[in-house]
Each structure stands twice: as C-alpha cells, then as structure tokens.
Amino acid sequence: MKIFFKIVFLLTIISFYQCNQHKKEKENSVKIKKKKTKKKVGLEKEIIKPWDSLNSQNTAVFLTEYGKQNPETNVLIKTRFGNIKIRLFEDVPIHRANFIFLTKIKYFNTTVIYRVAKNFVIQGGNSDNMYTQKQRRKYGNYLMQPEFRDNRKHTYGALAAARELKNNPTKLSSPFEFYMVHDRNGAHHLDNEHTVFGEVISGFDTMDKISKVRVGKDEWPIDDINMTIEIIE
C-alpha cells in the first residue's frame, strides 16, 4: 500500500513538473509572438506615412514632401519640331513638385500638345491615349491650390497651369495640363488667374514652328504633336 502511494506521489510530482514546463514554454512562445507583433506594427508605422500615396485628400502634404526629396528644376520637352527647355520656379513649390512628379512617372510621355492658339498659348498634357486616362483616374484627378506670386507674370515663354474656369471660384489648378505663353507681348489678362510656375529658357524657335501647324476649330492640331518630358541638369 505504501509503495502504491509512493508511486502515485511520484507520478503527481512528475505531472506537476511537466505542466509547469509546458506552461513556461507556452508563455515564452506568447512573448515571442508579442514581440514579433510589436515589431511588425512598428514597421508598418515606418512605412505608412501621409505622403506615401498621392490622392485628392493629401495633395499638398504629398507634394510638399515629394518636393523636398526631388529638388530638380530643369526639364526638357521633346517634340518632332525640336526641344523646349524649361526652368521651374522654386517659390511655387507645390506646382514645381507636381510637374517633377508627373515627369518622373512618365505621365507626359503619352500626352500631346493638344491646343495651339495662334499668337497666344501652346497647351499640352492630355490625350486620347487610354494609359493617359488611366493615370489620371489612378490619382483621382486631384487639384492644387493656386500659388500666385507678384513676380510671376504671364510674360512671353511663361509656363502656367491650366484650370477649369466654371465652378472654380478658388482657381484650383489642374495638375496634368499646362500651357506656354507664345504671345511676345505676354498674356497679362491671365495674371492671378492661373499659376505661373516656370519659364521657357530655350527652344523659342520650336514654339514658333509648333505655332504654324494646322489646327481644327477646337485648336487641336490636325496631326497630333506627341511629346516626352525628362529631367535634365
């Protein structure tokens, strides 16, 4: 009988010891899992930032941060008529950053110069290309607040942002469409109506050639004028 109780006692001790070991192992695995979870959450916080993805709700935040990381100011518009070199202004940071952003994702490379208004403006940044429309939908057709500056006028060669004229009391800019002033006297009736964010520094002869193409009633060239835009030094 005593032997029986001794055996039971020993089995109880062994069982208790095994339970404790299993409990400790379980606690350790939970702690490791918690650490992994915390680490994962921490990584997500590092990745998810308010400027990670451009949309209509974070336009200014995204472009402000993008502009800090992408300070370029010179771009080259290439057409079959020749090249046009543009300098972007740093004192209109949102519009500058936006143009650099669209240039780097190659948005403009599927667009055309779609309006040639004789002795007035040459306008581009849109097309009937499906990829172009897909890119516009991807970013939700966001708009930009105007950045009017007293020293940024519609002089000959000025680069400015197009915008909707109707139902746009705050003069929000289109991010996709731009124009260059081709009137040698300027287009000063547009001052403080559209944001001027750059200027042509070479390629005025190219603009002259483009201005002579045949256009339809809507001022869209009869033969499409394809273009590409790239960052230069």
Protein backbone atom coordinates (compact mmCIF):
# COMPACT_ATOMS: atom_id res chain seq x y z
CA MET A 1 0.00 0.00 0.00
CA LYS A 2 2.83 2.37 0.91
CA ILE A 3 4.51 1.51 -2.34
CA PHE A 4 1.31 2.34 -4.17
CA PHE A 5 1.10 5.82 -2.54
CA LYS A 6 4.77 6.44 -3.26
CA ILE A 7 4.18 5.67 -6.92
CA VAL A 8 1.13 7.95 -7.02
CA PHE A 9 3.11 10.70 -5.28
CA LEU A 10 5.98 10.39 -7.75
CA LEU A 11 3.59 10.45 -10.71
CA THR A 12 1.92 13.58 -9.28
CA ILE A 13 5.27 15.37 -8.94
CA ILE A 14 6.28 14.39 -12.49
CA SER A 15 2.93 15.54 -13.85
CA PHE A 16 3.17 18.87 -11.98
CA TYR A 17 6.69 19.41 -13.27
CA GLN A 18 5.65 18.67 -16.86
CA CYS A 19 2.65 21.04 -16.56
CA ASN A 20 4.89 23.82 -15.31
CA GLN A 21 7.35 23.24 -18.14
CA HIS A 22 4.56 23.28 -20.72
CA LYS A 23 3.15 26.47 -19.16
CA LYS A 24 6.56 28.18 -19.29
CA GLU A 25 7.07 27.13 -22.91
CA LYS A 26 3.62 28.45 -23.77
CA GLU A 27 4.31 31.77 -22.04
CA ASN A 28 7.62 32.10 -23.87
CA SER A 29 6.01 31.47 -27.25
CA VAL A 30 3.35 34.07 -26.48
CA LYS A 31 6.02 36.63 -25.55
CA ILE A 32 7.95 35.92 -28.74
CA LYS A 33 4.74 36.33 -30.72
CA LYS A 34 4.02 39.60 -28.99
CA LYS A 35 7.48 40.85 -29.80
CA LYS A 36 7.01 39.92 -33.44
CA THR A 37 3.63 41.63 -33.46
CA LYS A 38 5.05 44.77 -31.90
CA LYS A 39 7.93 44.74 -34.34
CA LYS A 40 5.51 44.31 -37.24
CA VAL A 41 3.33 47.18 -36.08
CA GLY A 42 6.41 49.33 -35.69
CA LEU A 43 7.48 48.60 -39.26
CA GLU A 44 4.02 49.45 -40.53
CA LYS A 45 4.21 52.80 -38.79
CA GLU A 46 7.50 53.46 -40.53
CA ILE A 47 6.06 52.55 -43.93
CA ILE A 48 2.65 54.20 -43.73
CA LYS A 49 3.13 57.95 -43.97
CA PRO A 50 0.69 60.69 -45.04
CA TRP A 51 2.62 61.29 -48.27
CA ASP A 52 3.10 57.68 -49.38
CA SER A 53 0.31 57.75 -51.96
CA LEU A 54 -0.93 60.82 -53.81
CA ASN A 55 -4.68 61.35 -53.82
CA SER A 56 -7.21 64.18 -53.71
CA GLN A 57 -7.15 64.20 -49.91
CA ASN A 58 -3.40 64.60 -49.32
CA THR A 59 -2.28 66.61 -52.34
CA ALA A 60 -0.44 69.41 -50.52
CA VAL A 61 1.15 67.08 -47.95
CA PHE A 62 2.33 64.61 -50.57
CA LEU A 63 3.73 67.22 -52.94
CA THR A 64 5.42 69.19 -50.15
CA GLU A 65 7.31 66.10 -49.04
CA TYR A 66 7.95 64.97 -52.61
CA GLY A 67 9.37 68.39 -53.42
CA LYS A 68 11.86 68.13 -50.54
CA GLN A 69 13.12 64.80 -51.86
CA ASN A 70 13.10 65.82 -55.53
CA PRO A 71 14.56 69.35 -55.88
CA GLU A 72 15.06 69.35 -59.68
CA THR A 73 14.08 72.50 -61.58
CA ASN A 74 15.09 71.88 -65.21
CA VAL A 75 13.08 69.81 -67.67
CA LEU A 76 13.19 69.24 -71.42
CA ILE A 77 10.12 68.93 -73.62
CA LYS A 78 10.94 66.92 -76.76
CA THR A 79 8.81 67.09 -79.92
CA ARG A 80 9.35 66.33 -83.60
CA PHE A 81 9.74 70.07 -84.14
CA GLY A 82 12.61 70.33 -81.66
CA ASN A 83 13.15 70.72 -77.93
CA ILE A 84 11.97 73.25 -75.38
CA LYS A 85 13.97 73.72 -72.19
CA ILE A 86 12.00 74.78 -69.11
CA ARG A 87 13.11 76.14 -65.76
CA LEU A 88 10.66 75.55 -62.89
CA PHE A 89 10.35 78.15 -60.14
CA GLU A 90 11.20 77.18 -56.57
CA ASP A 91 8.88 79.75 -55.00
CA VAL A 92 5.84 77.82 -56.23
CA PRO A 93 6.79 74.55 -54.50
CA ILE A 94 3.55 72.59 -54.96
CA HIS A 95 3.32 73.19 -58.70
CA ARG A 96 7.04 72.56 -59.21
CA ALA A 97 6.93 69.28 -57.27
CA ASN A 98 3.82 68.19 -59.15
CA PHE A 99 5.45 68.74 -62.55
CA ILE A 100 8.56 66.83 -61.46
CA PHE A 101 6.41 64.00 -60.07
CA LEU A 102 4.43 63.61 -63.31
CA THR A 103 7.63 63.81 -65.33
CA LYS A 104 9.30 61.07 -63.30
CA ILE A 105 6.36 58.67 -63.56
CA LYS A 106 6.40 59.41 -67.34
CA TYR A 107 2.82 60.64 -67.37
CA PHE A 108 3.55 63.28 -70.01
CA ASN A 109 5.14 60.78 -72.39
CA THR A 110 1.74 59.53 -73.56
CA THR A 111 0.25 63.02 -73.88
CA VAL A 112 0.27 65.51 -76.73
CA ILE A 113 0.28 69.22 -77.35
CA TYR A 114 -3.46 69.38 -77.86
CA ARG A 115 -4.05 73.11 -78.29
CA VAL A 116 -2.22 75.61 -80.45
CA ALA A 117 -3.83 79.05 -80.13
CA LYS A 118 -2.08 81.29 -82.63
CA ASN A 119 -0.09 84.12 -81.03
CA PHE A 120 -1.46 83.19 -77.61
CA VAL A 121 -0.59 79.84 -75.97
CA ILE A 122 0.64 76.33 -76.70
CA GLN A 123 -1.06 73.85 -74.39
CA GLY A 124 -0.31 70.21 -73.54
CA GLY A 125 -0.65 67.42 -71.00
CA ASN A 126 -3.64 65.43 -72.22
CA SER A 127 -4.50 62.93 -74.95
CA ASP A 128 -6.98 60.25 -76.01
CA ASN A 129 -4.48 57.57 -75.01
CA MET A 130 -6.02 55.03 -72.62
CA TYR A 131 -2.86 54.97 -70.47
CA THR A 132 -3.12 58.73 -70.02
CA GLN A 133 -6.70 58.46 -68.82
CA LYS A 134 -5.79 55.54 -66.56
CA GLN A 135 -3.08 57.59 -64.89
CA ARG A 136 -5.49 60.46 -64.34
CA ARG A 137 -8.05 58.14 -62.76
CA LYS A 138 -5.38 56.47 -60.63
CA TYR A 139 -4.63 59.70 -58.80
CA GLY A 140 -8.24 60.81 -58.61
CA ASN A 141 -7.90 63.96 -60.72
CA TYR A 142 -6.57 65.84 -57.73
CA LEU A 143 -6.38 69.65 -57.86
CA MET A 144 -3.87 72.15 -56.49
CA GLN A 145 -4.36 75.40 -54.62
CA PRO A 146 -3.13 78.42 -56.63
CA GLU A 147 0.33 79.79 -55.87
CA PHE A 148 0.14 83.34 -57.16
CA ARG A 149 3.31 85.41 -56.83
CA ASP A 150 3.68 89.12 -57.63
CA ASN A 151 6.86 88.43 -59.58
CA ARG A 152 5.38 85.57 -61.63
CA LYS A 153 3.52 87.03 -64.59
CA HIS A 154 2.32 85.75 -67.95
CA THR A 155 5.29 87.05 -69.92
CA TYR A 156 6.44 85.57 -73.23
CA GLY A 157 7.54 81.98 -72.55
CA ALA A 158 5.81 81.68 -69.16
CA LEU A 159 4.77 78.15 -68.14
CA ALA A 160 1.44 78.02 -66.28
CA ALA A 161 -1.19 75.57 -65.05
CA ALA A 162 -4.49 75.20 -66.87
CA ARG A 163 -7.69 75.07 -64.83
CA GLU A 164 -11.44 74.81 -65.07
CA LEU A 165 -12.99 78.22 -65.50
CA LYS A 166 -16.53 77.32 -64.44
CA ASN A 167 -17.47 76.40 -60.87
CA ASN A 168 -13.93 77.04 -59.68
CA PRO A 169 -14.07 80.18 -57.52
CA THR A 170 -10.77 79.43 -55.74
CA LYS A 171 -8.93 78.96 -59.08
CA LEU A 172 -7.68 75.46 -58.37
CA SER A 173 -5.06 74.27 -60.87
CA SER A 174 -5.20 71.14 -62.98
CA PRO A 175 -2.12 69.07 -62.17
CA PHE A 176 -1.97 67.45 -65.60
CA GLU A 177 -2.39 70.23 -68.16
CA PHE A 178 -0.08 73.17 -68.75
CA TYR A 179 0.50 75.90 -71.30
CA MET A 180 3.31 78.13 -72.52
CA VAL A 181 2.65 81.74 -73.46
CA HIS A 182 3.55 82.33 -77.10
CA ASP A 183 2.44 85.96 -77.37
CA ARG A 184 5.58 88.11 -77.40
CA ASN A 185 3.64 90.82 -75.56
CA GLY A 186 2.63 88.34 -72.88
CA ALA A 187 -0.86 87.35 -71.77
CA HIS A 188 -1.24 89.55 -68.71
CA HIS A 189 -5.02 89.25 -68.54
CA LEU A 190 -4.25 85.78 -67.11
CA ASP A 191 -2.11 87.12 -64.23
CA ASN A 192 -3.50 85.90 -60.89
CA GLU A 193 -5.98 83.76 -62.78
CA HIS A 194 -3.60 80.86 -63.44
CA THR A 195 -0.47 79.89 -61.51
CA VAL A 196 2.78 80.60 -63.37
CA PHE A 197 5.32 78.02 -62.21
CA GLY A 198 8.11 78.09 -64.78
CA GLU A 199 9.54 79.65 -67.91
CA VAL A 200 10.97 78.68 -71.27
CA ILE A 201 14.72 79.33 -71.33
CA SER A 202 15.46 77.91 -74.78
CA GLY A 203 13.51 76.48 -77.68
CA PHE A 204 11.52 79.56 -78.69
CA ASP A 205 12.17 78.59 -82.32
CA THR A 206 10.49 75.24 -81.60
CA MET A 207 7.47 77.07 -80.23
CA ASP A 208 7.38 79.17 -83.42
CA LYS A 209 7.34 76.02 -85.55
CA ILE A 210 4.57 74.45 -83.46
CA SER A 211 2.51 77.63 -83.72
CA LYS A 212 2.33 77.22 -87.51
CA VAL A 213 0.71 73.78 -87.61
CA ARG A 214 -2.79 73.32 -88.97
CA VAL A 215 -5.47 73.07 -86.29
CA GLY A 216 -9.17 72.28 -86.14
CA LYS A 217 -11.94 74.53 -84.85
CA ASP A 218 -11.10 73.47 -81.30
CA GLU A 219 -7.44 74.48 -81.90
CA TRP A 220 -6.38 70.82 -81.63
CA PRO A 221 -3.62 70.15 -84.20
CA ILE A 222 -4.79 68.15 -87.22
CA ASP A 223 -1.74 65.93 -86.79
CA ASP A 224 -1.01 65.03 -83.19
CA ILE A 225 2.12 66.56 -81.70
CA ASN A 226 3.49 63.85 -79.41
CA MET A 227 5.93 64.84 -76.73
CA THR A 228 8.13 63.44 -74.00
CA ILE A 229 9.40 65.30 -70.97
CA GLU A 230 12.52 64.46 -68.99
CA ILE A 231 14.58 65.86 -66.14
CA ILE A 232 17.88 67.48 -67.15
CA GLU A 233 20.78 69.13 -65.34
